[in-house]
Amino acid sequence: MRILLTGTQGQLGTDLLPLLKQQGEVVGVSRAQCDLSSVDAIKKLVAEVRPSVIVNPAAYTAVNEAEVQRDLAYAINSTAAGVMAEEARKLGAMFIHYSTDYVFDGNKVGAYTESDEPQPLNVYGASKLAGERAIASTGGRYLILRTSWVYGANGSNFLLTIRRLARERKELRVVDDQVGAPTSTLQLAWATARLVKQLSGKIEDVFPSGIYHATAGDSTTWCGFARAIVEALRDQDTFKVEQILGISSSEYPTPARRPLNSVLCNNKFENTFGFKLHGWQAGLAEVVHEIRLRESQS
C-alpha cells in the first residue's frame, strides 16, 4: 500500500508519519514541498505518487488570522481538499481528511452529532465546512474526521502555550465558558493508522464513506484543561503560576468568534469502526509522557 501524507512537519503529521509507515510505503510532503494553495501542484503530486491512500492533515489552522486571510484559508481548507479528493477518486484511492468542531455555532444543548446542521461562526469553520462539502461532492471513497481542541507534544498549541505561560506568570486567566474535548495528536494518529489498516482491504461498495466525529472522550473547559496541564507537568517543570482563574469569553475577545459548546458525539465512529479514542485525561497523560521522553533524549 502506498500512502501519500501531507503536512509532515505539522503537529498531527509529525505523529502520523511513523505510524503510517507501519501500514505501507509512505510518501510524505511538507508545506515547502507542495504548495496546497496551488491546484496544479496538488494534481502533479498525486499523479507522481499514485497512492492508494491519501491522508491529509495539512490545513490552514490560524483561526484569528483567517478572518483577514479568507482567500488563503479557503484555498487550503476547501479548494485543496476538494482537489485531493477528486484526484483520489480518479485513482480509486481512499481519502482521509480532518475537519473541526468549529463547523458548529455552539448553541446546542448536548453533544453534536453528524446529522446536526453546521452553522460556523468564523471564517476558519466556514472554510473547513466548504472543504467537507467539496470532498463529498466528488463521490469518491473518503473519511472526514471532525475533531476538536487538537494539541500535542510539538508544534504550536494550547498545551505548549500554557506550559510557557505557567513558567512566566503567577496568575493565568483562561476562558471557562467554552466546553469541548481536548484531543491529542497522538490519539488521532493512532486512530487514523488503525482505520487505514482496517479499511484498506474493503472494496469500494462497502467502504463506509462519510463524516465521523472523532474526539477524545469526556469534556472540560479551556480553564479546566489549563489546570490539568499545569498539574500534569508540575512534577518536573519549574512553574511560577500560583492560580489559574476562569473568565468568560467576553473578557477575552478574539477576532474570530468561538462556539461555547464544542462537544461532539462519537457514537457513529465507535459503532462503525469498533473502537474509540481515550478520554481527554488519558490523552493528556500520554502527551506529557511523550514530552518527557523527547526531553530526556535531547
C-alpha atoms as a PDB file:
ATOM      1  CA  MET A   1       0.000   0.000   0.000  1.00  0.00           C
ATOM      2  CA  ARG A   2       1.335   3.435  -0.945  1.00  0.00           C
ATOM      3  CA  ILE A   3       0.228   6.286   1.312  1.00  0.00           C
ATOM      4  CA  LEU A   4       0.528   9.979   0.482  1.00  0.00           C
ATOM      5  CA  LEU A   5       0.754  12.065   3.665  1.00  0.00           C
ATOM      6  CA  THR A   6       0.585  15.857   3.600  1.00  0.00           C
ATOM      7  CA  GLY A   7       1.699  18.247   6.333  1.00  0.00           C
ATOM      8  CA  THR A   8       4.517  16.038   7.603  1.00  0.00           C
ATOM      9  CA  GLN A   9       6.013  18.878   9.629  1.00  0.00           C
ATOM     10  CA  GLY A  10       2.727  19.871  11.255  1.00  0.00           C
ATOM     11  CA  GLN A  11       1.782  18.727  14.735  1.00  0.00           C
ATOM     12  CA  LEU A  12      -0.543  15.928  13.539  1.00  0.00           C
ATOM     13  CA  GLY A  13       1.532  14.972  10.503  1.00  0.00           C
ATOM     14  CA  THR A  14       4.595  14.528  12.710  1.00  0.00           C
ATOM     15  CA  ASP A  15       2.792  11.902  14.793  1.00  0.00           C
ATOM     16  CA  LEU A  16       1.110  10.271  11.803  1.00  0.00           C
ATOM     17  CA  LEU A  17       4.295   9.611   9.852  1.00  0.00           C
ATOM     18  CA  PRO A  18       5.854   6.829  11.985  1.00  0.00           C
ATOM     19  CA  LEU A  19       2.522   5.043  12.494  1.00  0.00           C
ATOM     20  CA  LEU A  20       1.557   5.111   8.834  1.00  0.00           C
ATOM     21  CA  LYS A  21       4.969   3.725   7.908  1.00  0.00           C
ATOM     22  CA  GLN A  22       3.870   0.559   9.711  1.00  0.00           C
ATOM     23  CA  GLN A  23       0.970   0.245   7.261  1.00  0.00           C
ATOM     24  CA  GLY A  24       2.832   0.644   3.985  1.00  0.00           C
ATOM     25  CA  GLU A  25       5.116   2.814   1.892  1.00  0.00           C
ATOM     26  CA  VAL A  26       4.650   6.450   2.876  1.00  0.00           C
ATOM     27  CA  VAL A  27       5.408   9.404   0.642  1.00  0.00           C
ATOM     28  CA  GLY A  28       5.350  12.395   2.967  1.00  0.00           C
ATOM     29  CA  VAL A  29       5.335  16.020   1.856  1.00  0.00           C
ATOM     30  CA  SER A  30       5.650  19.207   3.861  1.00  0.00           C
ATOM     31  CA  ARG A  31       4.273  22.644   3.079  1.00  0.00           C
ATOM     32  CA  ALA A  32       7.588  23.562   1.459  1.00  0.00           C
ATOM     33  CA  GLN A  33       7.441  20.519  -0.819  1.00  0.00           C
ATOM     34  CA  CYS A  34       3.882  21.047  -2.046  1.00  0.00           C
ATOM     35  CA  ASP A  35       2.023  24.351  -2.093  1.00  0.00           C
ATOM     36  CA  LEU A  36      -1.539  23.370  -1.248  1.00  0.00           C
ATOM     37  CA  SER A  37      -2.810  26.725  -2.464  1.00  0.00           C
ATOM     38  CA  SER A  38      -1.803  25.579  -5.982  1.00  0.00           C
ATOM     39  CA  VAL A  39      -4.233  23.245  -7.731  1.00  0.00           C
ATOM     40  CA  ASP A  40      -1.619  22.321 -10.316  1.00  0.00           C
ATOM     41  CA  ALA A  41       0.918  21.401  -7.638  1.00  0.00           C
ATOM     42  CA  ILE A  42      -1.586  19.084  -5.952  1.00  0.00           C
ATOM     43  CA  LYS A  43      -2.545  17.354  -9.186  1.00  0.00           C
ATOM     44  CA  LYS A  44       1.102  16.885 -10.134  1.00  0.00           C
ATOM     45  CA  LEU A  45       1.943  15.426  -6.734  1.00  0.00           C
ATOM     46  CA  VAL A  46      -0.888  12.893  -6.745  1.00  0.00           C
ATOM     47  CA  ALA A  47      -0.139  11.899 -10.346  1.00  0.00           C
ATOM     48  CA  GLU A  48       3.509  11.258  -9.490  1.00  0.00           C
ATOM     49  CA  VAL A  49       2.862   9.317  -6.278  1.00  0.00           C
ATOM     50  CA  ARG A  50      -0.245   7.376  -7.413  1.00  0.00           C
ATOM     51  CA  PRO A  51      -1.208   6.476  -3.841  1.00  0.00           C
ATOM     52  CA  SER A  52      -3.835   4.008  -2.723  1.00  0.00           C
ATOM     53  CA  VAL A  53      -4.461   6.175   0.355  1.00  0.00           C
ATOM     54  CA  ILE A  54      -4.182   9.939   0.834  1.00  0.00           C
ATOM     55  CA  VAL A  55      -4.083  11.229   4.413  1.00  0.00           C
ATOM     56  CA  ASN A  56      -4.477  14.994   4.612  1.00  0.00           C
ATOM     57  CA  PRO A  57      -3.792  16.617   7.998  1.00  0.00           C
ATOM     58  CA  ALA A  58      -2.465  19.761   6.291  1.00  0.00           C
ATOM     59  CA  ALA A  59      -4.708  22.759   6.874  1.00  0.00           C
ATOM     60  CA  TYR A  60      -4.849  26.491   7.445  1.00  0.00           C
ATOM     61  CA  THR A  61      -5.466  26.498  11.205  1.00  0.00           C
ATOM     62  CA  ALA A  62      -4.774  30.112  12.240  1.00  0.00           C
ATOM     63  CA  VAL A  63      -8.328  30.779  13.399  1.00  0.00           C
ATOM     64  CA  ASN A  64      -7.975  34.504  14.101  1.00  0.00           C
ATOM     65  CA  GLU A  65      -5.798  35.238  11.073  1.00  0.00           C
ATOM     66  CA  ALA A  66      -8.325  33.532   8.808  1.00  0.00           C
ATOM     67  CA  GLU A  67     -10.684  36.432   9.405  1.00  0.00           C
ATOM     68  CA  VAL A  68      -8.376  38.600   7.267  1.00  0.00           C
ATOM     69  CA  GLN A  69      -6.771  35.845   5.159  1.00  0.00           C
ATOM     70  CA  ARG A  70     -10.062  34.426   3.939  1.00  0.00           C
ATOM     71  CA  ASP A  71      -8.865  33.542   0.430  1.00  0.00           C
ATOM     72  CA  LEU A  72      -5.860  31.593   1.694  1.00  0.00           C
ATOM     73  CA  ALA A  73      -7.964  29.751   4.286  1.00  0.00           C
ATOM     74  CA  TYR A  74     -10.454  28.690   1.623  1.00  0.00           C
ATOM     75  CA  ALA A  75      -7.706  27.777  -0.846  1.00  0.00           C
ATOM     76  CA  ILE A  76      -6.116  25.309   1.586  1.00  0.00           C
ATOM     77  CA  ASN A  77      -9.097  24.127   3.632  1.00  0.00           C
ATOM     78  CA  SER A  78     -11.646  23.888   0.835  1.00  0.00           C
ATOM     79  CA  THR A  79     -10.218  24.009  -2.684  1.00  0.00           C
ATOM     80  CA  ALA A  80      -7.142  21.877  -1.942  1.00  0.00           C
ATOM     81  CA  ALA A  81      -9.200  19.315  -0.047  1.00  0.00           C
ATOM     82  CA  GLY A  82     -11.660  19.019  -2.912  1.00  0.00           C
ATOM     83  CA  VAL A  83      -8.894  18.656  -5.497  1.00  0.00           C
ATOM     84  CA  MET A  84      -7.149  15.932  -3.479  1.00  0.00           C
ATOM     85  CA  ALA A  85     -10.435  14.087  -3.052  1.00  0.00           C
ATOM     86  CA  GLU A  86     -11.140  14.280  -6.779  1.00  0.00           C
ATOM     87  CA  GLU A  87      -7.666  13.029  -7.678  1.00  0.00           C
ATOM     88  CA  ALA A  88      -8.101  10.215  -5.148  1.00  0.00           C
ATOM     89  CA  ARG A  89     -11.420   9.296  -6.769  1.00  0.00           C
ATOM     90  CA  LYS A  90      -9.771   9.035 -10.186  1.00  0.00           C
ATOM     91  CA  LEU A  91      -7.266   6.558  -8.745  1.00  0.00           C
ATOM     92  CA  GLY A  92      -9.829   4.657  -6.688  1.00  0.00           C
ATOM     93  CA  ALA A  93      -7.869   5.703  -3.620  1.00  0.00           C
ATOM     94  CA  MET A  94      -9.036   6.259  -0.054  1.00  0.00           C
ATOM     95  CA  PHE A  95      -9.017   9.881   1.113  1.00  0.00           C
ATOM     96  CA  ILE A  96      -8.793  10.682   4.840  1.00  0.00           C
ATOM     97  CA  HIS A  97      -9.273  14.297   5.886  1.00  0.00           C
ATOM     98  CA  TYR A  98      -9.698  16.163   9.185  1.00  0.00           C
ATOM     99  CA  SER A  99     -12.323  18.762   9.994  1.00  0.00           C
ATOM    100  CA  THR A 100     -13.356  20.654  13.087  1.00  0.00           C
ATOM    101  CA  ASP A 101     -15.918  21.302  15.802  1.00  0.00           C
ATOM    102  CA  TYR A 102     -15.887  24.907  14.569  1.00  0.00           C
ATOM    103  CA  VAL A 103     -18.342  23.989  11.805  1.00  0.00           C
ATOM    104  CA  PHE A 104     -20.996  24.359  14.553  1.00  0.00           C
ATOM    105  CA  ASP A 105     -22.170  27.521  16.310  1.00  0.00           C
ATOM    106  CA  GLY A 106     -22.098  26.000  19.797  1.00  0.00           C
ATOM    107  CA  ASN A 107     -25.689  26.822  20.689  1.00  0.00           C
ATOM    108  CA  LYS A 108     -26.886  23.230  21.024  1.00  0.00           C
ATOM    109  CA  VAL A 109     -27.519  21.720  24.436  1.00  0.00           C
ATOM    110  CA  GLY A 110     -25.694  18.396  24.422  1.00  0.00           C
ATOM    111  CA  ALA A 111     -23.188  16.806  22.072  1.00  0.00           C
ATOM    112  CA  TYR A 112     -23.339  17.478  18.343  1.00  0.00           C
ATOM    113  CA  THR A 113     -23.970  14.533  16.021  1.00  0.00           C
ATOM    114  CA  GLU A 114     -23.048  14.213  12.364  1.00  0.00           C
ATOM    115  CA  SER A 115     -26.664  14.881  11.376  1.00  0.00           C
ATOM    116  CA  ASP A 116     -26.784  18.277  13.118  1.00  0.00           C
ATOM    117  CA  GLU A 117     -26.813  21.248  10.747  1.00  0.00           C
ATOM    118  CA  PRO A 118     -23.470  23.088  10.660  1.00  0.00           C
ATOM    119  CA  GLN A 119     -23.507  26.826  11.283  1.00  0.00           C
ATOM    120  CA  PRO A 120     -19.933  28.130  11.621  1.00  0.00           C
ATOM    121  CA  LEU A 121     -19.231  31.349  13.499  1.00  0.00           C
ATOM    122  CA  ASN A 122     -15.925  32.192  11.854  1.00  0.00           C
ATOM    123  CA  VAL A 123     -14.056  32.027   8.539  1.00  0.00           C
ATOM    124  CA  TYR A 124     -11.936  29.088   9.631  1.00  0.00           C
ATOM    125  CA  GLY A 125     -15.012  26.996  10.426  1.00  0.00           C
ATOM    126  CA  ALA A 126     -16.710  28.077   7.202  1.00  0.00           C
ATOM    127  CA  SER A 127     -13.648  27.147   5.142  1.00  0.00           C
ATOM    128  CA  LYS A 128     -13.466  23.710   6.754  1.00  0.00           C
ATOM    129  CA  LEU A 129     -17.178  23.168   6.143  1.00  0.00           C
ATOM    130  CA  ALA A 130     -16.695  24.128   2.495  1.00  0.00           C
ATOM    131  CA  GLY A 131     -13.908  21.542   2.356  1.00  0.00           C
ATOM    132  CA  GLU A 132     -16.205  18.851   3.740  1.00  0.00           C
ATOM    133  CA  ARG A 133     -18.760  19.607   1.057  1.00  0.00           C
ATOM    134  CA  ALA A 134     -16.157  19.714  -1.712  1.00  0.00           C
ATOM    135  CA  ILE A 135     -14.889  16.282  -0.691  1.00  0.00           C
ATOM    136  CA  ALA A 136     -18.347  14.751  -0.520  1.00  0.00           C
ATOM    137  CA  SER A 137     -19.297  16.161  -3.924  1.00  0.00           C
ATOM    138  CA  THR A 138     -16.562  14.129  -5.661  1.00  0.00           C
ATOM    139  CA  GLY A 139     -18.337  10.861  -4.957  1.00  0.00           C
ATOM    140  CA  GLY A 140     -15.074   9.115  -4.092  1.00  0.00           C
ATOM    141  CA  ARG A 141     -14.043   6.992  -1.112  1.00  0.00           C
ATOM    142  CA  TYR A 142     -13.454   9.292   1.841  1.00  0.00           C
ATOM    143  CA  LEU A 143     -13.456   9.689   5.585  1.00  0.00           C
ATOM    144  CA  ILE A 144     -13.818  13.123   7.139  1.00  0.00           C
ATOM    145  CA  LEU A 145     -12.866  13.042  10.800  1.00  0.00           C
ATOM    146  CA  ARG A 146     -14.234  16.003  12.728  1.00  0.00           C
ATOM    147  CA  THR A 147     -12.170  16.577  15.820  1.00  0.00           C
ATOM    148  CA  SER A 148     -11.655  19.312  18.414  1.00  0.00           C
ATOM    149  CA  TRP A 149      -9.146  21.258  20.510  1.00  0.00           C
ATOM    150  CA  VAL A 150      -6.157  19.495  18.955  1.00  0.00           C
ATOM    151  CA  TYR A 151      -2.830  19.594  20.809  1.00  0.00           C
ATOM    152  CA  GLY A 152       0.341  17.542  21.046  1.00  0.00           C
ATOM    153  CA  ALA A 153       3.971  17.414  22.064  1.00  0.00           C
ATOM    154  CA  ASN A 154       5.131  19.514  19.125  1.00  0.00           C
ATOM    155  CA  GLY A 155       4.034  22.467  17.061  1.00  0.00           C
ATOM    156  CA  SER A 156       2.035  25.411  18.348  1.00  0.00           C
ATOM    157  CA  ASN A 157      -0.915  24.559  20.566  1.00  0.00           C
ATOM    158  CA  PHE A 158      -2.753  25.291  23.800  1.00  0.00           C
ATOM    159  CA  LEU A 159      -0.780  22.863  25.969  1.00  0.00           C
ATOM    160  CA  LEU A 160       2.603  24.266  24.975  1.00  0.00           C
ATOM    161  CA  THR A 161       1.327  27.828  25.360  1.00  0.00           C
ATOM    162  CA  ILE A 162       0.028  27.147  28.875  1.00  0.00           C
ATOM    163  CA  ARG A 163       3.310  25.473  29.793  1.00  0.00           C
ATOM    164  CA  ARG A 164       5.251  28.540  28.671  1.00  0.00           C
ATOM    165  CA  LEU A 165       2.939  30.999  30.431  1.00  0.00           C
ATOM    166  CA  ALA A 166       2.981  28.963  33.649  1.00  0.00           C
ATOM    167  CA  ARG A 167       6.746  29.396  33.750  1.00  0.00           C
ATOM    168  CA  GLU A 168       6.459  33.164  33.257  1.00  0.00           C
ATOM    169  CA  ARG A 169       3.435  34.325  35.247  1.00  0.00           C
ATOM    170  CA  LYS A 170       1.999  33.907  38.743  1.00  0.00           C
ATOM    171  CA  GLU A 171      -1.588  34.187  37.525  1.00  0.00           C
ATOM    172  CA  LEU A 172      -3.275  32.898  34.376  1.00  0.00           C
ATOM    173  CA  ARG A 173      -6.739  33.938  33.237  1.00  0.00           C
ATOM    174  CA  VAL A 174      -8.338  31.347  30.958  1.00  0.00           C
ATOM    175  CA  VAL A 175     -11.762  31.150  29.318  1.00  0.00           C
ATOM    176  CA  ASP A 176     -14.087  28.960  31.377  1.00  0.00           C
ATOM    177  CA  ASP A 177     -17.387  29.060  29.457  1.00  0.00           C
ATOM    178  CA  GLN A 178     -16.353  27.176  26.304  1.00  0.00           C
ATOM    179  CA  VAL A 179     -16.714  23.399  26.597  1.00  0.00           C
ATOM    180  CA  GLY A 180     -15.046  20.777  24.440  1.00  0.00           C
ATOM    181  CA  ALA A 181     -12.894  17.656  24.293  1.00  0.00           C
ATOM    182  CA  PRO A 182      -9.131  18.279  24.110  1.00  0.00           C
ATOM    183  CA  THR A 183      -7.916  15.714  21.582  1.00  0.00           C
ATOM    184  CA  SER A 184      -4.261  14.773  21.268  1.00  0.00           C
ATOM    185  CA  THR A 185      -2.404  14.299  18.005  1.00  0.00           C
ATOM    186  CA  LEU A 186      -1.084  11.000  19.382  1.00  0.00           C
ATOM    187  CA  GLN A 187      -4.626   9.675  19.728  1.00  0.00           C
ATOM    188  CA  LEU A 188      -5.693  10.999  16.320  1.00  0.00           C
ATOM    189  CA  ALA A 189      -2.636   9.464  14.680  1.00  0.00           C
ATOM    190  CA  TRP A 190      -3.241   6.122  16.380  1.00  0.00           C
ATOM    191  CA  ALA A 191      -6.895   6.126  15.313  1.00  0.00           C
ATOM    192  CA  THR A 192      -6.012   7.054  11.729  1.00  0.00           C
ATOM    193  CA  ALA A 193      -3.414   4.303  11.406  1.00  0.00           C
ATOM    194  CA  ARG A 194      -5.934   1.810  12.746  1.00  0.00           C
ATOM    195  CA  LEU A 195      -8.516   3.000  10.224  1.00  0.00           C
ATOM    196  CA  VAL A 196      -6.067   2.668   7.350  1.00  0.00           C
ATOM    197  CA  LYS A 197      -5.297  -0.899   8.373  1.00  0.00           C
ATOM    198  CA  GLN A 198      -8.970  -1.724   8.903  1.00  0.00           C
ATOM    199  CA  LEU A 199     -10.326  -0.187   5.729  1.00  0.00           C
ATOM    200  CA  SER A 200      -7.607  -0.822   3.190  1.00  0.00           C
ATOM    201  CA  GLY A 201      -8.904  -4.265   2.336  1.00  0.00           C
ATOM    202  CA  LYS A 202     -12.518  -3.216   1.780  1.00  0.00           C
ATOM    203  CA  ILE A 203     -13.933  -2.963  -1.700  1.00  0.00           C
ATOM    204  CA  GLU A 204     -15.478   0.293  -2.806  1.00  0.00           C
ATOM    205  CA  ASP A 205     -19.140  -0.646  -2.476  1.00  0.00           C
ATOM    206  CA  VAL A 206     -18.833  -1.424   1.246  1.00  0.00           C
ATOM    207  CA  PHE A 207     -16.430   1.354   2.174  1.00  0.00           C
ATOM    208  CA  PRO A 208     -18.168   3.483   4.837  1.00  0.00           C
ATOM    209  CA  SER A 209     -17.511   6.914   3.324  1.00  0.00           C
ATOM    210  CA  GLY A 210     -18.792   9.887   5.264  1.00  0.00           C
ATOM    211  CA  ILE A 211     -18.275  12.288   8.137  1.00  0.00           C
ATOM    212  CA  TYR A 212     -17.380  10.909  11.550  1.00  0.00           C
ATOM    213  CA  HIS A 213     -16.819  12.704  14.826  1.00  0.00           C
ATOM    214  CA  ALA A 214     -13.513  11.593  16.346  1.00  0.00           C
ATOM    215  CA  THR A 215     -12.618  13.341  19.571  1.00  0.00           C
ATOM    216  CA  ALA A 216     -11.330  12.321  22.964  1.00  0.00           C
ATOM    217  CA  GLY A 217     -13.901  11.124  25.453  1.00  0.00           C
ATOM    218  CA  ASP A 218     -15.408  13.358  28.148  1.00  0.00           C
ATOM    219  CA  SER A 219     -15.189  17.160  28.112  1.00  0.00           C
ATOM    220  CA  THR A 220     -13.878  20.169  30.002  1.00  0.00           C
ATOM    221  CA  THR A 221     -13.431  23.913  29.609  1.00  0.00           C
ATOM    222  CA  TRP A 222     -10.285  25.663  28.443  1.00  0.00           C
ATOM    223  CA  CYS A 223      -9.700  26.688  32.050  1.00  0.00           C
ATOM    224  CA  GLY A 224     -10.184  23.131  33.268  1.00  0.00           C
ATOM    225  CA  PHE A 225      -7.769  21.910  30.621  1.00  0.00           C
ATOM    226  CA  ALA A 226      -5.198  24.533  31.604  1.00  0.00           C
ATOM    227  CA  ARG A 227      -5.357  23.476  35.245  1.00  0.00           C
ATOM    228  CA  ALA A 228      -4.950  19.827  34.265  1.00  0.00           C
ATOM    229  CA  ILE A 229      -1.942  20.684  32.073  1.00  0.00           C
ATOM    230  CA  VAL A 230      -0.179  22.514  34.884  1.00  0.00           C
ATOM    231  CA  GLU A 231      -0.916  19.721  37.336  1.00  0.00           C
ATOM    232  CA  ALA A 232       0.371  17.076  34.915  1.00  0.00           C
ATOM    233  CA  LEU A 233       3.600  18.953  34.188  1.00  0.00           C
ATOM    234  CA  ARG A 234       4.310  20.438  37.610  1.00  0.00           C
ATOM    235  CA  ASP A 235       6.364  17.497  38.907  1.00  0.00           C
ATOM    236  CA  GLN A 236       9.316  18.276  36.643  1.00  0.00           C
ATOM    237  CA  ASP A 237       8.692  21.846  35.447  1.00  0.00           C
ATOM    238  CA  THR A 238       9.596  24.994  37.341  1.00  0.00           C
ATOM    239  CA  PHE A 239       6.380  26.982  37.321  1.00  0.00           C
ATOM    240  CA  LYS A 240       5.752  30.472  38.710  1.00  0.00           C
ATOM    241  CA  VAL A 241       1.979  30.167  38.370  1.00  0.00           C
ATOM    242  CA  GLU A 242       0.068  30.168  41.639  1.00  0.00           C
ATOM    243  CA  GLN A 243      -3.510  30.376  40.401  1.00  0.00           C
ATOM    244  CA  ILE A 244      -5.490  29.888  37.212  1.00  0.00           C
ATOM    245  CA  LEU A 245      -8.639  31.992  37.122  1.00  0.00           C
ATOM    246  CA  GLY A 246     -11.654  31.221  34.959  1.00  0.00           C
ATOM    247  CA  ILE A 247     -13.029  34.084  32.870  1.00  0.00           C
ATOM    248  CA  SER A 248     -15.850  34.488  30.364  1.00  0.00           C
ATOM    249  CA  SER A 249     -15.398  34.629  26.602  1.00  0.00           C
ATOM    250  CA  SER A 250     -16.486  38.266  26.704  1.00  0.00           C
ATOM    251  CA  GLU A 251     -13.470  39.029  28.920  1.00  0.00           C
ATOM    252  CA  TYR A 252     -11.122  37.582  26.295  1.00  0.00           C
ATOM    253  CA  PRO A 253     -12.349  38.917  22.928  1.00  0.00           C
ATOM    254  CA  THR A 254     -10.747  37.488  19.776  1.00  0.00           C
ATOM    255  CA  PRO A 255     -11.114  38.420  16.088  1.00  0.00           C
ATOM    256  CA  ALA A 256     -12.847  35.077  15.424  1.00  0.00           C
ATOM    257  CA  ARG A 257     -15.842  34.022  17.480  1.00  0.00           C
ATOM    258  CA  ARG A 258     -15.665  30.574  19.102  1.00  0.00           C
ATOM    259  CA  PRO A 259     -18.559  28.197  19.854  1.00  0.00           C
ATOM    260  CA  LEU A 260     -19.439  27.845  23.533  1.00  0.00           C
ATOM    261  CA  ASN A 261     -20.265  24.152  23.053  1.00  0.00           C
ATOM    262  CA  SER A 262     -17.758  22.139  21.025  1.00  0.00           C
ATOM    263  CA  VAL A 263     -18.658  18.698  22.362  1.00  0.00           C
ATOM    264  CA  LEU A 264     -19.066  16.126  19.580  1.00  0.00           C
ATOM    265  CA  CYS A 265     -20.830  12.766  19.879  1.00  0.00           C
ATOM    266  CA  ASN A 266     -18.540   9.907  18.817  1.00  0.00           C
ATOM    267  CA  ASN A 267     -21.136   7.109  18.736  1.00  0.00           C
ATOM    268  CA  LYS A 268     -21.202   6.811  14.927  1.00  0.00           C
ATOM    269  CA  PHE A 269     -17.428   6.384  14.797  1.00  0.00           C
ATOM    270  CA  GLU A 270     -17.397   3.777  17.566  1.00  0.00           C
ATOM    271  CA  ASN A 271     -20.340   1.823  16.154  1.00  0.00           C
ATOM    272  CA  THR A 272     -18.869   1.793  12.645  1.00  0.00           C
ATOM    273  CA  PHE A 273     -15.241   1.020  13.382  1.00  0.00           C
ATOM    274  CA  GLY A 274     -15.437  -0.785  16.713  1.00  0.00           C
ATOM    275  CA  PHE A 275     -13.071   1.367  18.758  1.00  0.00           C
ATOM    276  CA  LYS A 276     -12.865   4.847  20.235  1.00  0.00           C
ATOM    277  CA  LEU A 277     -10.330   7.428  21.346  1.00  0.00           C
ATOM    278  CA  HIS A 278      -9.369   7.539  25.009  1.00  0.00           C
ATOM    279  CA  GLY A 279     -10.733  10.114  27.439  1.00  0.00           C
ATOM    280  CA  TRP A 280      -9.032  13.508  27.294  1.00  0.00           C
ATOM    281  CA  GLN A 281      -7.351  12.992  30.676  1.00  0.00           C
ATOM    282  CA  ALA A 282      -5.659   9.789  29.446  1.00  0.00           C
ATOM    283  CA  GLY A 283      -4.697  11.571  26.240  1.00  0.00           C
ATOM    284  CA  LEU A 284      -3.070  14.360  28.232  1.00  0.00           C
ATOM    285  CA  ALA A 285      -1.078  11.877  30.300  1.00  0.00           C
ATOM    286  CA  GLU A 286       0.138  10.235  27.088  1.00  0.00           C
ATOM    287  CA  VAL A 287       1.295  13.547  25.630  1.00  0.00           C
ATOM    288  CA  VAL A 288       3.065  14.529  28.867  1.00  0.00           C
ATOM    289  CA  HIS A 289       4.870  11.171  28.796  1.00  0.00           C
ATOM    290  CA  GLU A 290       5.896  11.836  25.180  1.00  0.00           C
ATOM    291  CA  ILE A 291       7.189  15.298  26.106  1.00  0.00           C
ATOM    292  CA  ARG A 292       9.266  13.851  28.957  1.00  0.00           C
ATOM    293  CA  LEU A 293      10.609  11.103  26.702  1.00  0.00           C
ATOM    294  CA  ARG A 294      11.686  13.556  23.999  1.00  0.00           C
ATOM    295  CA  GLU A 295      13.299  15.876  26.521  1.00  0.00           C
ATOM    296  CA  SER A 296      15.237  13.035  28.106  1.00  0.00           C
ATOM    297  CA  GLN A 297      16.609  12.068  24.699  1.00  0.00           C
ATOM    298  CA  SER A 298      17.628  15.569  23.664  1.00  0.00           C
END
